[in-house]
Amino acid sequence: RTWTLKQNQGKSALLFINLLDEENLILDTVFPWPLDWFLREQAGAFNSLGLIHPPLLTSRIIGQEIKARRTRPGQAGYFDALQFLEHEDLFEAKGWAVLPHRQVSADALLLSYVDAAGRDIVFAVADVRRPRPNVAAYTRQAEYVHSGWTEYFSGDQLPGGPLRIRAWAFDNRDATVERLTRDFLLPDRKAK
């Protein structure tokens, strides 16, 4: 089970290899040496040969290559909290995410912000493997016991202005997402 979780998270990070800097997730799940240039090159070659399915993503906008599935509120998970850790100058986001159509924990968790045009732009990929026995008990799905996630990110990863932050359960089999219940409004950090 642990191997399957890591394999799914690694594939999810790999799909975003040309769009996001997810080196730690890739080192942990795909390639254990800091040779990300080599992995990028090889992934690009395999992708051009049609050996990666779905293909490596070329857009961070949800609704383009990444398609959104519609689910009932609370069915795909919950965005529990978003807080600023002043002593580390980082934001901490956490919650739980599942893929109800497959009845498994999400392959990965995506965080997005809503831009001025109303589009969701992915800015982070998180692993989904933290123990959440409360979720498994509440949903009566033992497979959801490792559905928890926590992601730390810097405000430097985001554009200025107040931003709506959303979380999405990612299915790497077809590059689809399901939106988690609850989102957060991040105030303008540059206005301080």
Protein backbone atom coordinates (compact mmCIF):
# COMPACT_ATOMS: atom_id res chain seq x y z
CA ARG A 1 0.00 0.00 0.00
CA THR A 2 2.81 2.45 0.90
CA TRP A 3 4.59 1.66 -2.37
CA THR A 4 1.40 2.39 -4.36
CA LEU A 5 0.96 5.74 -2.56
CA LYS A 6 4.54 6.79 -3.33
CA GLN A 7 4.28 5.60 -6.92
CA ASN A 8 1.10 7.64 -7.48
CA GLN A 9 2.60 10.71 -5.84
CA GLY A 10 5.74 10.36 -7.93
CA LYS A 11 3.77 10.14 -11.15
CA SER A 12 1.76 13.20 -10.14
CA ALA A 13 4.93 15.22 -9.44
CA LEU A 14 6.41 14.00 -12.73
CA LEU A 15 3.40 15.27 -14.71
CA PHE A 16 4.17 18.79 -13.42
CA ILE A 17 7.96 18.55 -13.89
CA ASN A 18 8.10 21.29 -16.54
CA LEU A 19 5.71 23.64 -14.72
CA LEU A 20 6.51 23.62 -11.00
CA ASP A 21 9.60 23.26 -8.85
CA GLU A 22 8.65 20.14 -6.92
CA GLU A 23 12.19 18.87 -6.43
CA ASN A 24 11.63 17.58 -2.88
CA LEU A 25 8.57 15.56 -3.90
CA ILE A 26 10.40 14.17 -6.92
CA LEU A 27 13.48 13.28 -4.82
CA ASP A 28 11.25 11.53 -2.29
CA THR A 29 9.10 9.60 -4.75
CA VAL A 30 10.74 9.29 -8.18
CA PHE A 31 14.46 9.89 -8.35
CA PRO A 32 16.48 9.82 -5.10
CA TRP A 33 19.47 11.81 -6.36
CA PRO A 34 19.53 15.56 -6.98
CA LEU A 35 19.83 15.20 -10.75
CA ASP A 36 16.55 16.84 -11.68
CA TRP A 37 18.03 18.12 -14.97
CA PHE A 38 18.62 14.49 -16.00
CA LEU A 39 15.11 13.46 -14.98
CA ARG A 40 13.58 16.42 -16.84
CA GLU A 41 15.53 15.49 -19.97
CA GLN A 42 14.57 11.80 -19.77
CA ALA A 43 10.92 12.58 -18.97
CA GLY A 44 10.79 14.89 -21.99
CA ALA A 45 12.22 12.16 -24.22
CA PHE A 46 9.78 9.53 -22.93
CA ASN A 47 6.93 11.99 -23.26
CA SER A 48 7.80 12.76 -26.91
CA LEU A 49 7.73 9.02 -27.62
CA GLY A 50 4.23 8.77 -26.12
CA LEU A 51 5.39 6.61 -23.21
CA ILE A 52 3.94 8.79 -20.44
CA HIS A 53 0.18 8.74 -20.02
CA PRO A 54 -1.34 11.15 -19.53
CA PRO A 55 1.38 13.28 -21.17
CA LEU A 56 3.45 15.76 -19.19
CA LEU A 57 1.36 18.83 -18.47
CA THR A 58 2.06 22.10 -20.26
CA SER A 59 -0.47 24.32 -18.45
CA ARG A 60 -1.10 25.06 -14.78
CA ILE A 61 -4.64 26.29 -15.49
CA ILE A 62 -7.41 24.02 -14.22
CA GLY A 63 -9.91 23.57 -17.02
CA GLN A 64 -7.37 23.31 -19.82
CA GLU A 65 -5.35 20.06 -19.68
CA ILE A 66 -6.34 19.47 -16.07
CA LYS A 67 -10.07 18.79 -16.17
CA ALA A 68 -12.32 19.30 -13.14
CA ARG A 69 -14.83 16.66 -12.10
CA ARG A 70 -18.00 17.73 -10.32
CA THR A 71 -18.58 16.19 -6.92
CA ARG A 72 -20.89 16.91 -4.04
CA PRO A 73 -19.44 19.16 -1.31
CA GLY A 74 -17.29 17.17 1.10
CA GLN A 75 -17.13 14.10 -1.14
CA ALA A 76 -13.52 14.64 -2.34
CA GLY A 77 -12.15 16.01 0.92
CA TYR A 78 -11.78 19.11 3.00
CA PHE A 79 -9.33 22.01 3.07
CA ASP A 80 -9.01 22.17 6.87
CA ALA A 81 -6.68 25.10 7.46
CA LEU A 82 -4.42 27.73 5.98
CA GLN A 83 -2.18 29.65 8.34
CA PHE A 84 0.90 31.83 8.19
CA LEU A 85 3.88 30.55 10.20
CA GLU A 86 5.59 33.83 10.97
CA HIS A 87 8.72 32.28 12.51
CA GLU A 88 9.34 30.35 9.26
CA ASP A 89 7.93 32.93 6.82
CA LEU A 90 5.82 30.18 5.24
CA PHE A 91 2.17 29.30 4.84
CA GLU A 92 0.91 25.93 6.03
CA ALA A 93 -2.10 24.40 4.31
CA LYS A 94 -3.64 21.09 5.38
CA GLY A 95 -6.62 18.84 5.00
CA TRP A 96 -7.62 15.52 3.47
CA ALA A 97 -8.25 14.47 -0.14
CA VAL A 98 -9.77 11.39 -1.77
CA LEU A 99 -10.94 10.23 -5.19
CA PRO A 100 -14.49 9.02 -4.54
CA HIS A 101 -14.93 7.60 -8.05
CA ARG A 102 -11.96 5.24 -7.37
CA GLN A 103 -12.53 4.98 -3.59
CA VAL A 104 -8.87 5.70 -2.77
CA SER A 105 -6.82 8.53 -1.32
CA ALA A 106 -5.98 11.18 -3.92
CA ASP A 107 -2.84 10.58 -5.97
CA ALA A 108 -1.73 14.10 -5.03
CA LEU A 109 -3.11 17.37 -3.76
CA LEU A 110 -2.97 20.51 -5.89
CA LEU A 111 -3.14 24.03 -4.49
CA SER A 112 -4.32 26.82 -6.75
CA TYR A 113 -5.00 30.52 -6.60
CA VAL A 114 -7.75 32.29 -8.51
CA ASP A 115 -6.33 34.90 -10.89
CA ALA A 116 -7.97 38.17 -11.99
CA ALA A 117 -9.67 36.35 -14.89
CA GLY A 118 -11.27 33.84 -12.48
CA ARG A 119 -9.03 30.95 -13.53
CA ASP A 120 -7.54 28.48 -11.04
CA ILE A 121 -3.73 28.43 -11.44
CA VAL A 122 -1.91 25.50 -9.81
CA PHE A 123 1.12 26.59 -7.77
CA ALA A 124 1.92 23.54 -5.61
CA VAL A 125 1.68 19.74 -5.59
CA ALA A 126 1.56 17.96 -2.22
CA ASP A 127 1.76 14.33 -1.29
CA VAL A 128 -1.32 12.69 0.22
CA ARG A 129 -0.28 10.08 2.76
CA ARG A 130 -0.65 11.45 6.27
CA PRO A 131 -2.71 9.26 8.58
CA ARG A 132 -6.32 10.42 8.97
CA PRO A 133 -8.12 7.58 10.79
CA ASN A 134 -10.96 10.01 11.55
CA VAL A 135 -11.66 10.34 7.81
CA ALA A 136 -11.67 6.56 7.32
CA ALA A 137 -14.06 6.17 10.27
CA TYR A 138 -16.35 9.02 9.20
CA THR A 139 -16.62 7.87 5.57
CA ARG A 140 -16.55 4.16 6.48
CA GLN A 141 -13.83 3.71 3.86
CA ALA A 142 -10.72 2.01 5.27
CA GLU A 143 -8.85 3.01 2.08
CA TYR A 144 -9.04 6.67 3.17
CA VAL A 145 -6.89 6.19 6.28
CA HIS A 146 -3.87 7.83 4.53
CA SER A 147 -5.76 10.73 2.94
CA GLY A 148 -4.19 13.57 4.94
CA TRP A 149 -1.95 16.21 3.43
CA THR A 150 0.10 19.20 4.56
CA GLU A 151 1.86 21.62 2.24
CA TYR A 152 4.17 24.50 3.10
CA PHE A 153 4.66 27.31 0.62
CA SER A 154 6.13 30.77 0.42
CA GLY A 155 4.13 33.84 -0.47
CA ASP A 156 6.81 34.45 -3.12
CA GLN A 157 5.19 31.65 -5.16
CA LEU A 158 2.07 33.79 -5.57
CA PRO A 159 1.23 37.04 -7.33
CA GLY A 160 0.39 40.09 -5.23
CA GLY A 161 -3.06 41.13 -4.11
CA PRO A 162 -5.66 39.27 -2.12
CA LEU A 163 -6.02 35.74 -3.49
CA ARG A 164 -8.53 32.92 -3.12
CA ILE A 165 -6.64 29.67 -2.41
CA ARG A 166 -8.27 26.35 -3.32
CA ALA A 167 -7.31 22.70 -2.89
CA TRP A 168 -7.95 19.88 -5.35
CA ALA A 169 -7.72 16.08 -5.22
CA PHE A 170 -5.65 15.02 -8.26
CA ASP A 171 -6.16 11.80 -10.24
CA ASN A 172 -3.01 11.10 -12.24
CA ARG A 173 -4.67 8.42 -14.39
CA ASP A 174 -6.46 11.06 -16.48
CA ALA A 175 -5.19 14.42 -15.11
CA THR A 176 -8.52 15.29 -13.50
CA VAL A 177 -9.20 17.09 -10.24
CA GLU A 178 -12.02 17.26 -7.72
CA ARG A 179 -12.32 20.43 -5.66
CA LEU A 180 -12.15 20.10 -1.91
CA THR A 181 -14.73 21.74 0.31
CA ARG A 182 -13.68 25.13 1.66
CA ASP A 183 -11.22 27.63 0.32
CA PHE A 184 -9.40 30.56 1.90
CA LEU A 185 -8.93 34.22 1.09
CA LEU A 186 -5.30 35.19 1.49
CA PRO A 187 -4.90 38.93 2.18
CA ASP A 188 -2.50 41.06 0.15
CA ARG A 189 0.91 40.28 1.68
CA LYS A 190 2.61 43.25 0.01
CA ALA A 191 0.23 45.78 1.61
CA LYS A 192 1.86 45.42 5.03
